Amino acid sequence: MALSATIYKADLSVSNMDRGYYGQHNLTIACHPSETTERMMLRVLAFALYASESLKFSRGISSEDEPDIWEHHDHGDVKLWIELGLPDERRLRQACGKADQVVLFAYGGRALPVWWKTNAGVLRKLEKLTVLSIPETTLAELDAMAARSMQLSCTIQDGMVWLADGNHNLEILVETLQRNGLQNV
């Protein structure tokens, strides 16, 4: 018998002063049995950072041909493709062929620097790709915020990110390793 996903609900308020975007999102997040709550909360953070009225969670882990989060143009083409983790460079290359913009939220503890050193040269050639790094300490703090029903507020100003619920107020460091094909480190 297959295990079913655990459903989380989040009322997410986004105030992104850098992009001039302000919105309220009622999210239903399916946490696959093989997905940690840290990863699920990273999906919520990624959603908040790129929030728009048409941004959606995909089938994610349960689908090999979809990202974790995506946004489509009105005509159906993929506008934004958001991945999490340390994927194979071929997957990112294919994503760049399918979408206008691809964003990777890379995490993985000690494996991250090794993955980046191995793949940075190839990834730099992908002009549509942005790679962001999330520290392990941030993932642990996000995990502490996970609840089946959440009231979250995300504020973004001058590149700084704050995520809050009733009990936590996190200042989140998002390191840019590469922005649209340009290596930053």
Protein backbone atom coordinates (compact mmCIF):
# COMPACT_ATOMS: atom_id res chain seq x y z
CA MET A 1 0.00 0.00 0.00
CA ALA A 2 1.43 3.36 -1.05
CA LEU A 3 1.72 6.14 1.48
CA SER A 4 -0.18 9.30 0.68
CA ALA A 5 1.06 12.86 0.87
CA THR A 6 0.57 14.93 4.00
CA ILE A 7 -1.38 18.10 3.26
CA TYR A 8 -0.29 21.44 4.71
CA LYS A 9 -2.14 24.74 4.40
CA ALA A 10 -0.48 28.14 4.47
CA ASP A 11 -1.90 31.63 4.32
CA LEU A 12 1.09 33.48 2.91
CA SER A 13 1.31 37.26 2.81
CA VAL A 14 4.08 38.57 0.53
CA SER A 15 5.43 42.10 0.54
CA ASN A 16 8.22 42.21 -2.01
CA MET A 17 9.33 45.82 -2.12
CA ASP A 18 12.21 44.97 -4.48
CA ARG A 19 9.77 43.79 -7.18
CA GLY A 20 6.80 45.93 -6.18
CA TYR A 21 4.70 42.82 -5.58
CA TYR A 22 2.20 42.55 -2.74
CA GLY A 23 -0.10 39.56 -2.51
CA GLN A 24 -2.00 37.14 -0.35
CA HIS A 25 -1.77 33.44 -1.25
CA ASN A 26 -3.77 30.56 0.21
CA LEU A 27 -1.49 27.60 -0.44
CA THR A 28 -2.21 23.91 -0.26
CA ILE A 29 1.08 22.05 -0.08
CA ALA A 30 1.29 18.30 -0.54
CA CYS A 31 4.35 16.91 1.26
CA HIS A 32 5.27 13.66 -0.50
CA PRO A 33 6.15 10.79 1.89
CA SER A 34 9.77 10.90 0.67
CA GLU A 35 10.01 14.69 1.15
CA THR A 36 11.25 16.24 4.40
CA THR A 37 9.41 19.15 6.01
CA GLU A 38 12.63 21.17 5.54
CA ARG A 39 12.33 20.71 1.78
CA MET A 40 8.61 21.44 1.84
CA MET A 41 9.24 24.70 3.74
CA LEU A 42 11.97 25.60 1.25
CA ARG A 43 9.32 25.25 -1.47
CA VAL A 44 7.16 27.72 0.47
CA LEU A 45 10.11 30.14 0.75
CA ALA A 46 10.87 29.79 -2.97
CA PHE A 47 7.21 30.47 -3.73
CA ALA A 48 7.31 33.61 -1.55
CA LEU A 49 10.47 34.93 -3.23
CA TYR A 50 9.02 34.57 -6.75
CA ALA A 51 5.34 35.02 -5.87
CA SER A 52 2.89 36.06 -8.55
CA GLU A 53 -0.77 35.43 -9.21
CA SER A 54 0.06 32.68 -11.72
CA LEU A 55 2.87 30.89 -9.80
CA LYS A 56 1.87 27.31 -8.90
CA PHE A 57 3.22 24.25 -7.15
CA SER A 58 3.55 21.36 -9.58
CA ARG A 59 3.39 17.65 -8.84
CA GLY A 60 7.06 18.10 -7.86
CA ILE A 61 8.84 15.02 -6.51
CA SER A 62 6.19 12.70 -7.93
CA SER A 63 6.82 13.92 -11.49
CA GLU A 64 10.15 13.74 -13.32
CA ASP A 65 9.14 16.14 -16.09
CA GLU A 66 7.94 19.01 -13.89
CA PRO A 67 9.78 21.37 -11.55
CA ASP A 68 8.82 21.96 -7.92
CA ILE A 69 7.17 25.30 -8.77
CA TRP A 70 6.37 26.94 -12.07
CA GLU A 71 4.62 29.79 -13.80
CA HIS A 72 3.16 29.72 -17.29
CA HIS A 73 2.49 32.48 -19.79
CA ASP A 74 -1.14 33.01 -20.82
CA HIS A 75 -0.36 31.12 -24.05
CA GLY A 76 0.87 28.07 -22.08
CA ASP A 77 4.66 28.26 -22.43
CA VAL A 78 6.70 28.00 -19.22
CA LYS A 79 7.76 31.41 -17.95
CA LEU A 80 9.51 30.34 -14.72
CA TRP A 81 10.84 26.91 -13.65
CA ILE A 82 11.95 26.53 -10.01
CA GLU A 83 13.95 23.49 -8.86
CA LEU A 84 15.20 22.52 -5.40
CA GLY A 85 18.20 20.43 -4.39
CA LEU A 86 21.29 19.36 -6.32
CA PRO A 87 19.96 18.11 -9.65
CA ASP A 88 21.94 16.68 -12.51
CA GLU A 89 23.16 19.37 -14.91
CA ARG A 90 21.25 17.65 -17.74
CA ARG A 91 17.96 18.31 -15.93
CA LEU A 92 18.83 22.00 -15.61
CA ARG A 93 19.88 22.18 -19.26
CA GLN A 94 16.55 20.62 -20.28
CA ALA A 95 14.68 23.07 -18.01
CA CYS A 96 16.46 25.99 -19.70
CA GLY A 97 15.20 24.64 -23.02
CA LYS A 98 11.61 24.59 -21.75
CA ALA A 99 11.38 27.84 -19.75
CA ASP A 100 12.20 31.53 -20.09
CA GLN A 101 13.87 31.56 -16.66
CA VAL A 102 15.14 28.73 -14.42
CA VAL A 103 15.93 29.16 -10.73
CA LEU A 104 17.63 26.52 -8.62
CA PHE A 105 17.47 26.68 -4.82
CA ALA A 106 20.55 24.58 -4.05
CA TYR A 107 20.92 22.96 -0.66
CA GLY A 108 22.60 19.87 0.64
CA GLY A 109 25.00 20.60 3.48
CA ARG A 110 28.56 19.47 2.79
CA ALA A 111 27.54 18.03 -0.59
CA LEU A 112 26.64 21.49 -1.93
CA PRO A 113 30.21 22.86 -2.35
CA VAL A 114 31.32 19.63 -4.03
CA TRP A 115 28.29 19.67 -6.37
CA TRP A 116 28.91 23.35 -7.21
CA LYS A 117 32.62 22.81 -7.90
CA THR A 118 31.78 19.88 -10.19
CA ASN A 119 28.97 21.63 -12.09
CA ALA A 120 29.71 25.39 -12.03
CA GLY A 121 31.60 25.42 -15.34
CA VAL A 122 28.78 23.75 -17.25
CA LEU A 123 26.02 25.67 -15.45
CA ARG A 124 27.67 29.02 -16.20
CA LYS A 125 26.88 28.39 -19.88
CA LEU A 126 23.15 28.24 -19.14
CA GLU A 127 22.13 31.85 -19.70
CA LYS A 128 18.62 31.39 -18.29
CA LEU A 129 19.80 29.79 -15.01
CA THR A 130 20.02 31.43 -11.60
CA VAL A 131 21.48 29.36 -8.74
CA LEU A 132 20.71 30.36 -5.16
CA SER A 133 22.18 28.67 -2.09
CA ILE A 134 20.30 28.07 1.14
CA PRO A 135 22.36 27.35 4.30
CA GLU A 136 21.58 24.28 6.42
CA THR A 137 20.88 26.51 9.44
CA THR A 138 18.14 28.26 7.47
CA LEU A 139 16.58 24.92 6.55
CA ALA A 140 16.49 23.92 10.21
CA GLU A 141 14.84 27.24 11.12
CA LEU A 142 12.28 26.78 8.33
CA ASP A 143 11.59 23.26 9.57
CA ALA A 144 10.76 24.64 13.02
CA MET A 145 8.04 26.78 11.40
CA ALA A 146 6.31 23.82 9.71
CA ALA A 147 2.76 23.18 10.88
CA ARG A 148 -0.27 21.65 9.22
CA SER A 149 -1.89 25.10 9.22
CA MET A 150 0.38 28.15 8.91
CA GLN A 151 -0.01 31.92 8.86
CA LEU A 152 3.16 33.23 7.20
CA SER A 153 4.37 36.68 6.28
CA CYS A 154 7.33 37.24 3.96
CA THR A 155 8.93 40.65 3.52
CA ILE A 156 11.63 41.32 0.94
CA GLN A 157 13.46 44.63 0.84
CA ASP A 158 16.90 45.60 -0.51
CA GLY A 159 17.75 41.92 -1.03
CA MET A 160 16.96 41.01 2.59
CA VAL A 161 14.32 38.37 3.30
CA TRP A 162 12.26 37.98 6.47
CA LEU A 163 9.77 35.18 7.09
CA ALA A 164 7.54 35.23 10.14
CA ASP A 165 4.76 33.27 11.76
CA GLY A 166 3.27 33.71 15.23
CA ASN A 167 6.33 32.23 16.97
CA HIS A 168 9.31 32.84 14.68
CA ASN A 169 10.80 35.79 12.83
CA LEU A 170 13.62 34.66 10.55
CA GLU A 171 16.07 36.78 8.64
CA ILE A 172 17.01 34.54 5.73
CA LEU A 173 20.28 34.67 3.86
CA VAL A 174 19.93 33.61 0.24
CA GLU A 175 23.34 33.47 -1.41
CA THR A 176 23.48 33.95 -5.17
CA LEU A 177 25.98 31.56 -6.76
CA GLN A 178 24.97 32.44 -10.31
CA ARG A 179 22.51 34.91 -11.78
CA ASN A 180 21.26 34.18 -15.30
CA GLY A 181 24.46 32.43 -16.36
CA LEU A 182 26.87 34.84 -14.65
CA GLN A 183 28.90 33.25 -11.88
CA ASN A 184 29.03 35.37 -8.70
CA VAL A 185 31.61 33.40 -6.71
